[in-house]
Amino acid sequence: MNDPRKPKRRRRPRGSPLDHAPEGITYAREKAGLTKRALADALHISEQLMCDIEAGRRNAAPELLERMAERLGCPLVVLQAKSAEEARSGQRPESAAPSGP
């Protein structure tokens, strides 16, 4: 039942920014050749949560994003949401950009 001592889970307010990029997750999942169900099973989350994350209805916790990137074999930055500054400039800050030879 409801335990009054247990803190209630707080919901993300509607319209607040997500920690992930839904289109990035969909792209990486499809590139890895996985269905939503297969990825959800691999991450030990429900298929409904996976659908909600890809649709942008629910937020993916940073720990889940790390597990997801590892399972999909892609850099974490592909799955993370861009900050407002990055969105305006169209690129990642220099510290996140891969360094070349």
N, C-alpha and C. Protein backbone atom coordinates (compact mmCIF):
# COMPACT_ATOMS: atom_id res chain seq x y z
N MET A 1 0.82 -1.18 0.00
CA MET A 1 0.00 0.00 0.00
C MET A 1 0.87 1.25 0.00
N ASN A 2 0.26 2.37 0.26
CA ASN A 2 0.99 3.63 0.28
C ASN A 2 1.66 3.81 1.63
N ASP A 3 2.95 3.92 1.62
CA ASP A 3 3.71 4.13 2.85
C ASP A 3 3.93 5.63 3.01
N PRO A 4 3.38 6.26 4.06
CA PRO A 4 3.52 7.70 4.23
C PRO A 4 4.97 8.14 4.46
N ARG A 5 5.82 7.20 4.86
CA ARG A 5 7.23 7.55 5.10
C ARG A 5 8.04 7.57 3.81
N LYS A 6 7.53 6.88 2.80
CA LYS A 6 8.23 6.80 1.53
C LYS A 6 7.98 8.08 0.73
N PRO A 7 9.05 8.75 0.28
CA PRO A 7 8.83 9.98 -0.50
C PRO A 7 8.17 9.67 -1.83
N LYS A 8 7.28 10.56 -2.24
CA LYS A 8 6.60 10.38 -3.52
C LYS A 8 7.54 10.70 -4.66
N ARG A 9 7.37 9.95 -5.74
CA ARG A 9 8.17 10.20 -6.93
C ARG A 9 7.68 11.48 -7.58
N ARG A 10 8.60 12.38 -7.86
CA ARG A 10 8.21 13.64 -8.49
C ARG A 10 8.20 13.47 -9.99
N ARG A 11 7.20 14.02 -10.62
CA ARG A 11 7.10 13.98 -12.07
C ARG A 11 7.77 15.20 -12.66
N ARG A 12 8.27 15.01 -13.86
CA ARG A 12 8.86 16.12 -14.61
C ARG A 12 7.71 17.01 -15.06
N PRO A 13 7.78 18.30 -14.74
CA PRO A 13 6.71 19.21 -15.18
C PRO A 13 6.61 19.23 -16.70
N ARG A 14 5.39 19.31 -17.19
CA ARG A 14 5.18 19.37 -18.64
C ARG A 14 5.96 20.55 -19.23
N GLY A 15 6.61 20.27 -20.34
CA GLY A 15 7.34 21.32 -21.03
C GLY A 15 8.75 21.54 -20.52
N SER A 16 9.13 20.89 -19.41
CA SER A 16 10.50 21.07 -18.93
C SER A 16 11.45 20.28 -19.82
N PRO A 17 12.68 20.71 -19.93
CA PRO A 17 13.61 20.07 -20.86
C PRO A 17 13.94 18.64 -20.44
N LEU A 18 14.17 17.81 -21.43
CA LEU A 18 14.56 16.42 -21.21
C LEU A 18 16.07 16.31 -21.11
N ASP A 19 16.55 15.27 -20.44
CA ASP A 19 17.99 15.01 -20.37
C ASP A 19 18.48 14.28 -21.61
N HIS A 20 17.55 13.80 -22.42
CA HIS A 20 17.93 13.02 -23.59
C HIS A 20 17.30 13.61 -24.85
N ALA A 21 17.82 13.16 -25.97
CA ALA A 21 17.28 13.56 -27.27
C ALA A 21 16.48 12.37 -27.82
N PRO A 22 15.15 12.44 -27.80
CA PRO A 22 14.35 11.31 -28.25
C PRO A 22 14.74 10.81 -29.65
N GLU A 23 14.98 11.74 -30.57
CA GLU A 23 15.33 11.33 -31.93
C GLU A 23 16.71 10.66 -31.97
N GLY A 24 17.60 11.04 -31.08
CA GLY A 24 18.92 10.41 -31.00
C GLY A 24 18.82 8.97 -30.52
N ILE A 25 17.93 8.74 -29.56
CA ILE A 25 17.74 7.39 -29.05
C ILE A 25 17.13 6.50 -30.13
N THR A 26 16.12 7.02 -30.83
CA THR A 26 15.49 6.26 -31.91
C THR A 26 16.51 5.92 -33.00
N TYR A 27 17.31 6.92 -33.39
CA TYR A 27 18.31 6.71 -34.43
C TYR A 27 19.31 5.63 -34.01
N ALA A 28 19.84 5.74 -32.80
CA ALA A 28 20.84 4.78 -32.34
C ALA A 28 20.25 3.38 -32.20
N ARG A 29 19.02 3.28 -31.73
CA ARG A 29 18.37 1.98 -31.58
C ARG A 29 18.17 1.32 -32.93
N GLU A 30 17.68 2.09 -33.90
CA GLU A 30 17.46 1.54 -35.24
C GLU A 30 18.78 1.17 -35.90
N LYS A 31 19.80 1.99 -35.70
CA LYS A 31 21.13 1.73 -36.26
C LYS A 31 21.70 0.42 -35.69
N ALA A 32 21.39 0.14 -34.41
CA ALA A 32 21.85 -1.09 -33.77
C ALA A 32 21.00 -2.30 -34.17
N GLY A 33 19.90 -2.05 -34.90
CA GLY A 33 19.05 -3.13 -35.36
C GLY A 33 18.18 -3.73 -34.27
N LEU A 34 17.81 -2.92 -33.28
CA LEU A 34 17.00 -3.40 -32.16
C LEU A 34 15.59 -2.82 -32.21
N THR A 35 14.65 -3.59 -31.74
CA THR A 35 13.29 -3.08 -31.56
C THR A 35 13.22 -2.41 -30.20
N LYS A 36 12.16 -1.65 -29.98
CA LYS A 36 11.97 -1.03 -28.66
C LYS A 36 11.88 -2.10 -27.59
N ARG A 37 11.17 -3.17 -27.90
CA ARG A 37 11.02 -4.25 -26.92
C ARG A 37 12.37 -4.89 -26.59
N ALA A 38 13.19 -5.15 -27.60
CA ALA A 38 14.49 -5.78 -27.38
C ALA A 38 15.40 -4.89 -26.53
N LEU A 39 15.40 -3.59 -26.81
CA LEU A 39 16.23 -2.67 -26.03
C LEU A 39 15.71 -2.56 -24.60
N ALA A 40 14.39 -2.48 -24.45
CA ALA A 40 13.80 -2.41 -23.11
C ALA A 40 14.17 -3.65 -22.30
N ASP A 41 14.09 -4.82 -22.92
CA ASP A 41 14.45 -6.06 -22.23
C ASP A 41 15.92 -6.05 -21.82
N ALA A 42 16.78 -5.59 -22.71
CA ALA A 42 18.22 -5.55 -22.42
C ALA A 42 18.54 -4.59 -21.27
N LEU A 43 17.74 -3.52 -21.14
CA LEU A 43 17.97 -2.52 -20.10
C LEU A 43 17.18 -2.81 -18.83
N HIS A 44 16.34 -3.84 -18.87
CA HIS A 44 15.50 -4.22 -17.72
C HIS A 44 14.53 -3.10 -17.35
N ILE A 45 13.91 -2.52 -18.39
CA ILE A 45 12.86 -1.53 -18.18
C ILE A 45 11.64 -1.99 -18.97
N SER A 46 10.50 -1.39 -18.72
CA SER A 46 9.28 -1.80 -19.44
C SER A 46 9.31 -1.25 -20.87
N GLU A 47 8.60 -1.95 -21.73
CA GLU A 47 8.49 -1.49 -23.11
C GLU A 47 7.75 -0.15 -23.15
N GLN A 48 6.78 0.03 -22.26
CA GLN A 48 6.04 1.30 -22.19
C GLN A 48 6.96 2.46 -21.86
N LEU A 49 7.87 2.25 -20.90
CA LEU A 49 8.83 3.31 -20.56
C LEU A 49 9.71 3.62 -21.75
N MET A 50 10.15 2.58 -22.47
CA MET A 50 10.99 2.80 -23.65
C MET A 50 10.24 3.62 -24.69
N CYS A 51 8.97 3.29 -24.92
CA CYS A 51 8.16 4.05 -25.88
C CYS A 51 8.00 5.50 -25.44
N ASP A 52 7.75 5.70 -24.14
CA ASP A 52 7.58 7.06 -23.62
C ASP A 52 8.86 7.88 -23.72
N ILE A 53 10.00 7.24 -23.51
CA ILE A 53 11.29 7.95 -23.62
C ILE A 53 11.52 8.37 -25.06
N GLU A 54 11.29 7.47 -26.00
CA GLU A 54 11.49 7.81 -27.41
C GLU A 54 10.50 8.86 -27.91
N ALA A 55 9.31 8.89 -27.32
CA ALA A 55 8.29 9.86 -27.73
C ALA A 55 8.49 11.20 -27.02
N GLY A 56 9.38 11.26 -26.03
CA GLY A 56 9.62 12.50 -25.31
C GLY A 56 8.60 12.77 -24.21
N ARG A 57 7.80 11.75 -23.85
CA ARG A 57 6.82 11.93 -22.79
C ARG A 57 7.41 11.73 -21.40
N ARG A 58 8.50 10.94 -21.31
CA ARG A 58 9.15 10.70 -20.03
C ARG A 58 10.64 10.92 -20.19
N ASN A 59 11.28 11.29 -19.10
CA ASN A 59 12.70 11.59 -19.12
C ASN A 59 13.51 10.34 -18.83
N ALA A 60 14.63 10.19 -19.50
CA ALA A 60 15.56 9.09 -19.22
C ALA A 60 16.60 9.61 -18.23
N ALA A 61 16.74 8.93 -17.11
CA ALA A 61 17.72 9.31 -16.10
C ALA A 61 19.13 9.18 -16.67
N PRO A 62 20.07 9.98 -16.19
CA PRO A 62 21.44 9.90 -16.70
C PRO A 62 22.04 8.49 -16.61
N GLU A 63 21.73 7.76 -15.53
CA GLU A 63 22.26 6.39 -15.40
C GLU A 63 21.70 5.49 -16.49
N LEU A 64 20.42 5.67 -16.82
CA LEU A 64 19.79 4.87 -17.87
C LEU A 64 20.40 5.23 -19.22
N LEU A 65 20.67 6.50 -19.45
CA LEU A 65 21.29 6.91 -20.71
C LEU A 65 22.66 6.27 -20.88
N GLU A 66 23.42 6.18 -19.78
CA GLU A 66 24.75 5.56 -19.85
C GLU A 66 24.63 4.08 -20.21
N ARG A 67 23.69 3.39 -19.58
CA ARG A 67 23.47 1.96 -19.89
C ARG A 67 23.01 1.79 -21.33
N MET A 68 22.15 2.71 -21.77
CA MET A 68 21.63 2.65 -23.12
C MET A 68 22.75 2.84 -24.15
N ALA A 69 23.61 3.82 -23.92
CA ALA A 69 24.73 4.07 -24.84
C ALA A 69 25.65 2.86 -24.91
N GLU A 70 25.89 2.25 -23.77
CA GLU A 70 26.75 1.06 -23.74
C GLU A 70 26.12 -0.08 -24.54
N ARG A 71 24.82 -0.31 -24.34
CA ARG A 71 24.12 -1.40 -25.02
C ARG A 71 24.02 -1.14 -26.52
N LEU A 72 23.84 0.13 -26.90
CA LEU A 72 23.70 0.47 -28.32
C LEU A 72 25.05 0.64 -29.01
N GLY A 73 26.13 0.70 -28.23
CA GLY A 73 27.45 0.85 -28.82
C GLY A 73 27.66 2.20 -29.47
N CYS A 74 27.12 3.24 -28.84
CA CYS A 74 27.26 4.59 -29.40
C CYS A 74 27.76 5.53 -28.31
N PRO A 75 28.33 6.66 -28.69
CA PRO A 75 28.76 7.63 -27.69
C PRO A 75 27.55 8.20 -26.94
N LEU A 76 27.73 8.47 -25.67
CA LEU A 76 26.66 9.01 -24.83
C LEU A 76 26.13 10.33 -25.39
N VAL A 77 26.99 11.12 -25.99
CA VAL A 77 26.60 12.43 -26.50
C VAL A 77 25.50 12.33 -27.57
N VAL A 78 25.41 11.19 -28.27
CA VAL A 78 24.37 11.00 -29.28
C VAL A 78 22.99 10.98 -28.63
N LEU A 79 22.92 10.45 -27.41
CA LEU A 79 21.64 10.28 -26.73
C LEU A 79 21.26 11.47 -25.86
N GLN A 80 22.22 12.32 -25.51
CA GLN A 80 21.95 13.43 -24.62
C GLN A 80 21.32 14.60 -25.36
N ALA A 81 20.50 15.34 -24.61
CA ALA A 81 19.86 16.53 -25.17
C ALA A 81 20.88 17.65 -25.29
N LYS A 82 20.70 18.47 -26.29
CA LYS A 82 21.56 19.64 -26.44
C LYS A 82 21.12 20.71 -25.47
N SER A 83 22.06 21.48 -24.97
CA SER A 83 21.71 22.61 -24.12
C SER A 83 21.16 23.72 -25.02
N ALA A 84 20.57 24.73 -24.42
CA ALA A 84 20.02 25.84 -25.19
C ALA A 84 21.10 26.52 -26.02
N GLU A 85 22.30 26.65 -25.45
CA GLU A 85 23.41 27.28 -26.17
C GLU A 85 23.82 26.43 -27.36
N GLU A 86 23.89 25.11 -27.17
CA GLU A 86 24.26 24.22 -28.26
C GLU A 86 23.22 24.24 -29.36
N ALA A 87 21.96 24.30 -28.98
CA ALA A 87 20.88 24.32 -29.97
C ALA A 87 20.96 25.59 -30.82
N ARG A 88 21.27 26.72 -30.18
CA ARG A 88 21.38 27.98 -30.94
C ARG A 88 22.56 27.96 -31.90
N SER A 89 23.69 27.44 -31.44
CA SER A 89 24.88 27.46 -32.29
C SER A 89 24.91 26.29 -33.27
N GLY A 90 24.12 25.24 -33.00
CA GLY A 90 24.08 24.10 -33.90
C GLY A 90 25.20 23.12 -33.72
N GLN A 91 25.99 23.28 -32.65
CA GLN A 91 27.08 22.34 -32.41
C GLN A 91 27.35 22.19 -30.93
N ARG A 92 28.11 21.18 -30.59
CA ARG A 92 28.50 20.92 -29.21
C ARG A 92 29.64 21.86 -28.82
N PRO A 93 29.77 22.16 -27.53
CA PRO A 93 30.89 23.00 -27.11
C PRO A 93 32.21 22.28 -27.38
N GLU A 94 33.28 23.03 -27.44
CA GLU A 94 34.59 22.48 -27.77
C GLU A 94 34.99 21.33 -26.85
N SER A 95 34.62 21.40 -25.57
CA SER A 95 35.03 20.35 -24.63
C SER A 95 34.38 19.02 -24.98
N ALA A 96 33.23 19.02 -25.64
CA ALA A 96 32.53 17.80 -25.99
C ALA A 96 32.87 17.33 -27.41
N ALA A 97 33.50 18.20 -28.19
CA ALA A 97 33.82 17.84 -29.56
C ALA A 97 34.98 16.86 -29.57
N PRO A 98 34.91 15.85 -30.45
CA PRO A 98 36.01 14.90 -30.52
C PRO A 98 37.26 15.59 -31.05
N SER A 99 38.38 15.24 -30.46
CA SER A 99 39.63 15.86 -30.89
C SER A 99 40.24 15.04 -32.01
N GLY A 100 40.72 15.68 -33.00
CA GLY A 100 41.31 15.00 -34.17
C GLY A 100 42.81 15.12 -34.17
N PRO A 101 43.45 14.46 -35.13
CA PRO A 101 44.93 14.51 -35.21
C PRO A 101 45.44 15.86 -35.62
